[in-house]
Amino acid sequence: MFDLHKAFERKQEYECGRLDAFLFRHRARTIRLIAEWVAAERAEGTGLPLDPQALAAEVATATDADLLDRLAALHGADDPAARRRFDRHCARLRAEAYRQLVAEYGDPTPHQLV
């Protein structure tokens, strides 16, 4: 006999796992794109080199706010106007990361049971 309740539980577990994986990839891709932009914008020879891949790996242990604050400091977004410009560019890169991931993995919207 078919157990509809178990089928819905399996679907819920599958969809939650798929969405969590997509969200984590989105966070990591966003931080990597921002780090690549900051690295490209920095003048040659100013401070330590920036490794976007290493910074994206820190998504597992650091909050987005901490990583963005570090990147903003490296970019030189010290005053409020510069920080707003930095945040606007970060929002554009977040949207770009989402578009890239949808192209690679498909739409993260849960599949409908039809």
N, C-alpha and C. Protein backbone atom coordinates (compact mmCIF):
# COMPACT_ATOMS: atom_id res chain seq x y z
N MET A 1 0.84 -1.17 0.00
CA MET A 1 0.00 0.00 0.00
C MET A 1 0.89 1.25 0.00
N PHE A 2 0.53 2.22 -0.80
CA PHE A 2 1.28 3.46 -0.93
C PHE A 2 1.04 4.35 0.29
N ASP A 3 2.13 4.82 0.88
CA ASP A 3 2.04 5.69 2.05
C ASP A 3 2.32 7.13 1.61
N LEU A 4 1.27 7.90 1.47
CA LEU A 4 1.38 9.28 1.01
C LEU A 4 2.17 10.14 1.98
N HIS A 5 2.00 9.92 3.28
CA HIS A 5 2.73 10.69 4.29
C HIS A 5 4.23 10.50 4.13
N LYS A 6 4.68 9.27 3.96
CA LYS A 6 6.12 9.02 3.79
C LYS A 6 6.63 9.64 2.50
N ALA A 7 5.81 9.60 1.46
CA ALA A 7 6.22 10.21 0.20
C ALA A 7 6.43 11.71 0.37
N PHE A 8 5.53 12.38 1.08
CA PHE A 8 5.68 13.81 1.33
C PHE A 8 6.90 14.09 2.22
N GLU A 9 7.17 13.25 3.19
CA GLU A 9 8.35 13.44 4.04
C GLU A 9 9.63 13.32 3.22
N ARG A 10 9.69 12.32 2.35
CA ARG A 10 10.87 12.15 1.50
C ARG A 10 11.05 13.35 0.58
N LYS A 11 9.94 13.83 0.01
CA LYS A 11 10.02 15.01 -0.86
C LYS A 11 10.50 16.22 -0.08
N GLN A 12 9.99 16.40 1.12
CA GLN A 12 10.41 17.53 1.95
C GLN A 12 11.90 17.45 2.27
N GLU A 13 12.39 16.30 2.65
CA GLU A 13 13.82 16.14 2.95
C GLU A 13 14.67 16.42 1.72
N TYR A 14 14.23 15.89 0.59
CA TYR A 14 14.97 16.09 -0.66
C TYR A 14 15.01 17.57 -1.03
N GLU A 15 13.86 18.24 -1.01
CA GLU A 15 13.79 19.65 -1.40
C GLU A 15 14.56 20.54 -0.43
N CYS A 16 14.46 20.26 0.86
CA CYS A 16 15.21 21.05 1.85
C CYS A 16 16.71 20.91 1.62
N GLY A 17 17.17 19.70 1.39
CA GLY A 17 18.59 19.48 1.13
C GLY A 17 19.04 20.16 -0.14
N ARG A 18 18.23 20.09 -1.18
CA ARG A 18 18.57 20.72 -2.45
C ARG A 18 18.62 22.24 -2.31
N LEU A 19 17.65 22.80 -1.59
CA LEU A 19 17.63 24.25 -1.41
C LEU A 19 18.77 24.72 -0.52
N ASP A 20 19.08 23.98 0.53
CA ASP A 20 20.21 24.34 1.39
C ASP A 20 21.51 24.31 0.61
N ALA A 21 21.69 23.31 -0.24
CA ALA A 21 22.91 23.23 -1.05
C ALA A 21 22.98 24.42 -2.01
N PHE A 22 21.86 24.77 -2.61
CA PHE A 22 21.84 25.91 -3.53
C PHE A 22 22.17 27.20 -2.79
N LEU A 23 21.58 27.39 -1.61
CA LEU A 23 21.84 28.61 -0.85
C LEU A 23 23.31 28.72 -0.43
N PHE A 24 23.91 27.59 -0.05
CA PHE A 24 25.32 27.62 0.32
C PHE A 24 26.18 27.95 -0.90
N ARG A 25 25.88 27.34 -2.03
CA ARG A 25 26.63 27.65 -3.25
C ARG A 25 26.46 29.12 -3.62
N HIS A 26 25.25 29.65 -3.41
CA HIS A 26 25.01 31.06 -3.72
C HIS A 26 25.85 31.97 -2.83
N ARG A 27 25.91 31.66 -1.54
CA ARG A 27 26.74 32.46 -0.63
C ARG A 27 28.20 32.41 -1.05
N ALA A 28 28.71 31.20 -1.31
CA ALA A 28 30.13 31.05 -1.67
C ALA A 28 30.43 31.73 -3.00
N ARG A 29 29.56 31.57 -3.98
CA ARG A 29 29.78 32.20 -5.30
C ARG A 29 29.75 33.71 -5.18
N THR A 30 28.83 34.24 -4.38
CA THR A 30 28.73 35.69 -4.21
C THR A 30 30.01 36.23 -3.59
N ILE A 31 30.48 35.61 -2.52
CA ILE A 31 31.71 36.08 -1.86
C ILE A 31 32.90 35.98 -2.81
N ARG A 32 32.97 34.90 -3.61
CA ARG A 32 34.08 34.75 -4.55
C ARG A 32 34.03 35.85 -5.61
N LEU A 33 32.84 36.14 -6.15
CA LEU A 33 32.73 37.20 -7.16
C LEU A 33 33.09 38.57 -6.59
N ILE A 34 32.66 38.83 -5.37
CA ILE A 34 33.00 40.12 -4.74
C ILE A 34 34.50 40.19 -4.48
N ALA A 35 35.09 39.09 -4.01
CA ALA A 35 36.53 39.07 -3.75
C ALA A 35 37.32 39.26 -5.05
N GLU A 36 36.86 38.65 -6.14
CA GLU A 36 37.54 38.83 -7.43
C GLU A 36 37.45 40.29 -7.88
N TRP A 37 36.28 40.91 -7.67
CA TRP A 37 36.12 42.32 -8.03
C TRP A 37 37.03 43.20 -7.19
N VAL A 38 37.07 42.94 -5.87
CA VAL A 38 37.93 43.74 -4.99
C VAL A 38 39.40 43.55 -5.38
N ALA A 39 39.80 42.32 -5.68
CA ALA A 39 41.18 42.05 -6.06
C ALA A 39 41.54 42.78 -7.35
N ALA A 40 40.59 42.83 -8.29
CA ALA A 40 40.85 43.52 -9.55
C ALA A 40 40.91 45.04 -9.36
N GLU A 41 40.14 45.55 -8.41
CA GLU A 41 40.08 46.99 -8.17
C GLU A 41 41.28 47.51 -7.36
N ARG A 42 41.88 46.61 -6.59
CA ARG A 42 42.99 47.06 -5.74
C ARG A 42 44.19 47.44 -6.59
N ALA A 43 44.91 48.44 -6.14
CA ALA A 43 46.11 48.85 -6.85
C ALA A 43 47.20 47.81 -6.64
N GLU A 44 48.06 47.67 -7.60
CA GLU A 44 49.16 46.71 -7.49
C GLU A 44 50.08 47.08 -6.33
N GLY A 45 50.48 46.06 -5.59
CA GLY A 45 51.45 46.25 -4.52
C GLY A 45 50.92 46.86 -3.24
N THR A 46 49.60 46.91 -3.05
CA THR A 46 49.07 47.48 -1.81
C THR A 46 48.63 46.35 -0.89
N GLY A 47 49.41 46.07 0.08
CA GLY A 47 49.05 45.04 1.06
C GLY A 47 49.25 43.64 0.53
N LEU A 48 48.70 42.69 1.25
CA LEU A 48 48.83 41.29 0.89
C LEU A 48 47.91 40.96 -0.28
N PRO A 49 48.31 40.00 -1.10
CA PRO A 49 47.43 39.62 -2.20
C PRO A 49 46.15 38.98 -1.66
N LEU A 50 45.09 39.13 -2.41
CA LEU A 50 43.79 38.61 -2.02
C LEU A 50 43.51 37.35 -2.82
N ASP A 51 43.17 36.25 -2.13
CA ASP A 51 42.84 34.98 -2.79
C ASP A 51 41.33 34.77 -2.72
N PRO A 52 40.59 35.01 -3.82
CA PRO A 52 39.14 34.87 -3.79
C PRO A 52 38.68 33.45 -3.45
N GLN A 53 39.39 32.44 -3.89
CA GLN A 53 39.00 31.06 -3.59
C GLN A 53 39.10 30.78 -2.09
N ALA A 54 40.18 31.24 -1.46
CA ALA A 54 40.34 31.03 -0.02
C ALA A 54 39.27 31.78 0.76
N LEU A 55 38.94 32.97 0.31
CA LEU A 55 37.91 33.74 1.00
C LEU A 55 36.54 33.08 0.84
N ALA A 56 36.26 32.52 -0.33
CA ALA A 56 34.99 31.82 -0.54
C ALA A 56 34.91 30.58 0.34
N ALA A 57 36.04 29.95 0.62
CA ALA A 57 36.05 28.78 1.49
C ALA A 57 35.70 29.15 2.93
N GLU A 58 35.94 30.40 3.31
CA GLU A 58 35.63 30.85 4.67
C GLU A 58 34.14 31.03 4.90
N VAL A 59 33.33 30.88 3.87
CA VAL A 59 31.87 31.00 4.02
C VAL A 59 31.36 29.98 5.03
N ALA A 60 32.03 28.85 5.13
CA ALA A 60 31.60 27.80 6.06
C ALA A 60 31.83 28.19 7.51
N THR A 61 32.76 29.09 7.78
CA THR A 61 33.11 29.40 9.17
C THR A 61 32.83 30.85 9.57
N ALA A 62 32.59 31.72 8.62
CA ALA A 62 32.39 33.14 8.94
C ALA A 62 31.02 33.59 8.42
N THR A 63 30.52 34.65 9.01
CA THR A 63 29.24 35.19 8.54
C THR A 63 29.47 36.05 7.30
N ASP A 64 28.42 36.24 6.54
CA ASP A 64 28.52 37.09 5.36
C ASP A 64 28.91 38.51 5.75
N ALA A 65 28.35 38.99 6.85
CA ALA A 65 28.65 40.36 7.29
C ALA A 65 30.14 40.52 7.59
N ASP A 66 30.74 39.53 8.26
CA ASP A 66 32.17 39.61 8.56
C ASP A 66 33.01 39.62 7.28
N LEU A 67 32.66 38.75 6.36
CA LEU A 67 33.42 38.68 5.10
C LEU A 67 33.25 39.95 4.29
N LEU A 68 32.03 40.47 4.24
CA LEU A 68 31.80 41.71 3.50
C LEU A 68 32.51 42.90 4.14
N ASP A 69 32.55 42.92 5.47
CA ASP A 69 33.29 44.00 6.16
C ASP A 69 34.77 43.93 5.82
N ARG A 70 35.33 42.73 5.80
CA ARG A 70 36.75 42.58 5.43
C ARG A 70 37.00 43.03 4.01
N LEU A 71 36.10 42.63 3.09
CA LEU A 71 36.26 43.03 1.69
C LEU A 71 36.08 44.52 1.51
N ALA A 72 35.14 45.10 2.25
CA ALA A 72 34.93 46.56 2.16
C ALA A 72 36.17 47.30 2.64
N ALA A 73 36.78 46.81 3.71
CA ALA A 73 38.00 47.45 4.21
C ALA A 73 39.14 47.33 3.19
N LEU A 74 39.25 46.18 2.56
CA LEU A 74 40.29 46.00 1.54
C LEU A 74 40.02 46.88 0.32
N HIS A 75 38.75 47.09 0.02
CA HIS A 75 38.39 47.92 -1.13
C HIS A 75 38.54 49.39 -0.84
N GLY A 76 38.55 49.75 0.44
CA GLY A 76 38.69 51.16 0.82
C GLY A 76 37.35 51.85 0.99
N ALA A 77 36.31 51.09 1.29
CA ALA A 77 34.97 51.67 1.49
C ALA A 77 34.83 52.06 2.95
N ASP A 78 35.56 53.12 3.34
CA ASP A 78 35.59 53.55 4.74
C ASP A 78 34.48 54.53 5.08
N ASP A 79 34.20 55.46 4.19
CA ASP A 79 33.16 56.44 4.50
C ASP A 79 31.79 55.89 4.07
N PRO A 80 30.70 56.45 4.61
CA PRO A 80 29.37 55.92 4.31
C PRO A 80 29.00 55.90 2.83
N ALA A 81 29.38 56.92 2.09
CA ALA A 81 29.05 56.96 0.66
C ALA A 81 29.77 55.84 -0.10
N ALA A 82 31.04 55.63 0.23
CA ALA A 82 31.80 54.56 -0.42
C ALA A 82 31.23 53.20 -0.04
N ARG A 83 30.79 53.06 1.20
CA ARG A 83 30.21 51.78 1.62
C ARG A 83 28.88 51.52 0.89
N ARG A 84 28.09 52.56 0.66
CA ARG A 84 26.84 52.38 -0.09
C ARG A 84 27.13 51.94 -1.52
N ARG A 85 28.13 52.56 -2.14
CA ARG A 85 28.52 52.15 -3.50
C ARG A 85 28.99 50.70 -3.49
N PHE A 86 29.78 50.35 -2.49
CA PHE A 86 30.27 48.96 -2.35
C PHE A 86 29.09 48.01 -2.20
N ASP A 87 28.14 48.36 -1.34
CA ASP A 87 26.97 47.49 -1.11
C ASP A 87 26.12 47.35 -2.37
N ARG A 88 25.97 48.43 -3.14
CA ARG A 88 25.20 48.35 -4.39
C ARG A 88 25.88 47.41 -5.38
N HIS A 89 27.20 47.52 -5.47
CA HIS A 89 27.93 46.63 -6.39
C HIS A 89 27.83 45.18 -5.90
N CYS A 90 27.88 44.99 -4.60
CA CYS A 90 27.74 43.64 -4.05
C CYS A 90 26.37 43.05 -4.37
N ALA A 91 25.33 43.88 -4.34
CA ALA A 91 23.99 43.40 -4.68
C ALA A 91 23.94 42.96 -6.14
N ARG A 92 24.60 43.71 -7.02
CA ARG A 92 24.64 43.30 -8.43
C ARG A 92 25.39 41.98 -8.60
N LEU A 93 26.48 41.82 -7.87
CA LEU A 93 27.25 40.57 -7.95
C LEU A 93 26.47 39.41 -7.34
N ARG A 94 25.68 39.66 -6.31
CA ARG A 94 24.83 38.61 -5.72
C ARG A 94 23.81 38.13 -6.75
N ALA A 95 23.23 39.06 -7.50
CA ALA A 95 22.28 38.69 -8.55
C ALA A 95 22.98 37.92 -9.67
N GLU A 96 24.20 38.33 -10.01
CA GLU A 96 24.96 37.61 -11.03
C GLU A 96 25.29 36.19 -10.57
N ALA A 97 25.64 36.02 -9.30
CA ALA A 97 25.93 34.69 -8.77
C ALA A 97 24.69 33.81 -8.86
N TYR A 98 23.52 34.38 -8.56
CA TYR A 98 22.27 33.62 -8.65
C TYR A 98 22.01 33.19 -10.09
N ARG A 99 22.21 34.11 -11.04
CA ARG A 99 22.00 33.76 -12.45
C ARG A 99 22.95 32.65 -12.90
N GLN A 100 24.20 32.73 -12.48
CA GLN A 100 25.17 31.70 -12.84
C GLN A 100 24.77 30.34 -12.28
N LEU A 101 24.34 30.32 -11.02
CA LEU A 101 23.97 29.05 -10.39
C LEU A 101 22.70 28.46 -11.01
N VAL A 102 21.75 29.30 -11.37
CA VAL A 102 20.55 28.80 -12.03
C VAL A 102 20.93 28.20 -13.38
N ALA A 103 21.86 28.83 -14.08
CA ALA A 103 22.30 28.29 -15.36
C ALA A 103 23.01 26.94 -15.18
N GLU A 104 23.77 26.79 -14.09
CA GLU A 104 24.51 25.54 -13.85
C GLU A 104 23.65 24.43 -13.26
N TYR A 105 22.82 24.77 -12.26
CA TYR A 105 22.10 23.74 -11.49
C TYR A 105 20.59 23.75 -11.70
N GLY A 106 20.08 24.72 -12.41
CA GLY A 106 18.64 24.82 -12.61
C GLY A 106 18.00 25.68 -11.55
N ASP A 107 16.72 25.95 -11.75
CA ASP A 107 15.95 26.80 -10.86
C ASP A 107 15.79 26.13 -9.49
N PRO A 108 16.09 26.85 -8.40
CA PRO A 108 15.99 26.23 -7.08
C PRO A 108 14.56 26.13 -6.54
N THR A 109 13.59 26.60 -7.29
CA THR A 109 12.21 26.52 -6.84
C THR A 109 11.83 25.06 -6.63
N PRO A 110 11.18 24.73 -5.53
CA PRO A 110 10.79 23.32 -5.28
C PRO A 110 9.93 22.77 -6.41
N HIS A 111 10.17 21.51 -6.72
CA HIS A 111 9.38 20.83 -7.76
C HIS A 111 7.99 20.55 -7.23
N GLN A 112 7.01 20.80 -8.07
CA GLN A 112 5.62 20.57 -7.69
C GLN A 112 5.25 19.10 -7.89
N LEU A 113 4.44 18.58 -7.00
CA LEU A 113 3.90 17.24 -7.18
C LEU A 113 2.64 17.37 -8.02
N VAL A 114 2.68 16.84 -9.21
CA VAL A 114 1.52 16.94 -10.10
C VAL A 114 1.06 15.56 -10.47
